[in-house]
């Protein structure tokens, strides 16, 4: 599942619901720069229980220049604080 937001919508986005947060250029989602990746915790499985279907969730944040270090740092700080306040 992929969700696309603007940088000013970060406060309303529930960052903890997403596995990856990527910066993309406005309107061009093919080039992605990693901002945040949630750690995956392995689920316990048994031969007696069916496995749950896993849905990988990505949040794309549209910015002017996704390769700019200042923008990436600003996004990381915003998402780290959002993750900590969940």
Protein backbone atom coordinates (compact mmCIF):
# COMPACT_ATOMS: atom_id res chain seq x y z
CA UNK A 1 0.00 0.00 0.00
CA UNK A 2 1.38 3.39 -1.00
CA UNK A 3 0.25 6.73 0.39
CA UNK A 4 1.42 10.08 -1.02
CA UNK A 5 1.48 13.28 1.07
CA UNK A 6 3.09 16.72 0.96
CA UNK A 7 5.69 17.84 3.47
CA UNK A 8 3.18 20.04 5.31
CA UNK A 9 0.95 17.00 5.98
CA UNK A 10 3.54 15.12 8.05
CA UNK A 11 1.96 16.18 11.34
CA UNK A 12 -1.35 14.53 10.38
CA UNK A 13 0.24 11.34 9.01
CA UNK A 14 0.54 8.43 11.42
CA UNK A 15 4.18 7.56 10.68
CA UNK A 16 4.10 4.50 12.92
CA UNK A 17 1.65 2.82 10.53
CA UNK A 18 4.19 2.72 7.68
CA UNK A 19 7.15 0.43 7.07
CA UNK A 20 9.04 2.85 4.81
CA UNK A 21 9.01 6.62 4.45
CA UNK A 22 10.50 7.84 1.18
CA UNK A 23 11.13 11.31 -0.23
CA UNK A 24 10.06 11.85 -3.84
CA UNK A 25 10.01 14.74 -6.27
CA UNK A 26 6.59 16.36 -6.73
CA UNK A 27 4.73 14.47 -9.45
CA UNK A 28 7.61 12.03 -10.14
CA UNK A 29 7.43 9.02 -7.86
CA UNK A 30 9.92 6.80 -9.70
CA UNK A 31 13.01 8.20 -7.91
CA UNK A 32 12.75 7.51 -4.19
CA UNK A 33 15.13 8.44 -1.38
CA UNK A 34 14.86 6.53 1.91
CA UNK A 35 14.02 8.72 4.91
CA UNK A 36 12.84 6.22 7.49
CA UNK A 37 12.52 2.43 7.77
CA UNK A 38 10.69 0.78 10.64
CA UNK A 39 12.32 -2.25 12.20
CA UNK A 40 10.47 -5.46 11.51
CA UNK A 41 9.76 -7.78 14.41
CA UNK A 42 9.47 -11.40 13.42
CA UNK A 43 6.11 -12.98 14.10
CA UNK A 44 5.93 -16.38 15.70
CA UNK A 45 4.58 -19.03 13.38
CA UNK A 46 3.63 -22.61 13.87
CA UNK A 47 2.64 -25.45 11.62
CA UNK A 48 -0.68 -25.53 13.48
CA UNK A 49 -1.72 -21.94 12.80
CA UNK A 50 -2.16 -20.15 9.49
CA UNK A 51 0.18 -17.25 8.76
CA UNK A 52 -1.16 -13.73 8.54
CA UNK A 53 -0.97 -11.87 5.26
CA UNK A 54 1.57 -9.05 5.47
CA UNK A 55 0.92 -5.73 3.72
CA UNK A 56 4.01 -3.57 3.15
CA UNK A 57 3.07 0.09 3.66
CA UNK A 58 5.04 2.94 2.09
CA UNK A 59 4.58 6.65 2.69
CA UNK A 60 5.85 8.93 -0.08
CA UNK A 61 6.52 12.53 0.90
CA UNK A 62 6.59 14.96 -2.03
CA UNK A 63 9.35 17.59 -1.80
CA UNK A 64 11.10 19.87 -4.29
CA UNK A 65 14.50 18.15 -4.14
CA UNK A 66 14.51 14.71 -2.45
CA UNK A 67 18.32 14.44 -2.70
CA UNK A 68 19.03 17.61 -0.68
CA UNK A 69 20.65 16.72 2.69
CA UNK A 70 18.86 19.56 4.51
CA UNK A 71 15.45 18.36 3.35
CA UNK A 72 16.23 14.74 4.29
CA UNK A 73 17.41 15.81 7.74
CA UNK A 74 14.26 17.90 8.23
CA UNK A 75 12.08 14.94 7.23
CA UNK A 76 13.97 12.53 9.51
CA UNK A 77 13.55 14.83 12.50
CA UNK A 78 9.83 15.27 11.78
CA UNK A 79 9.23 11.54 11.48
CA UNK A 80 11.35 10.61 14.48
CA UNK A 81 9.34 12.98 16.65
CA UNK A 82 6.10 11.66 15.15
CA UNK A 83 7.18 8.09 15.84
CA UNK A 84 8.16 8.94 19.42
CA UNK A 85 4.79 10.64 20.12
CA UNK A 86 2.63 7.72 19.01
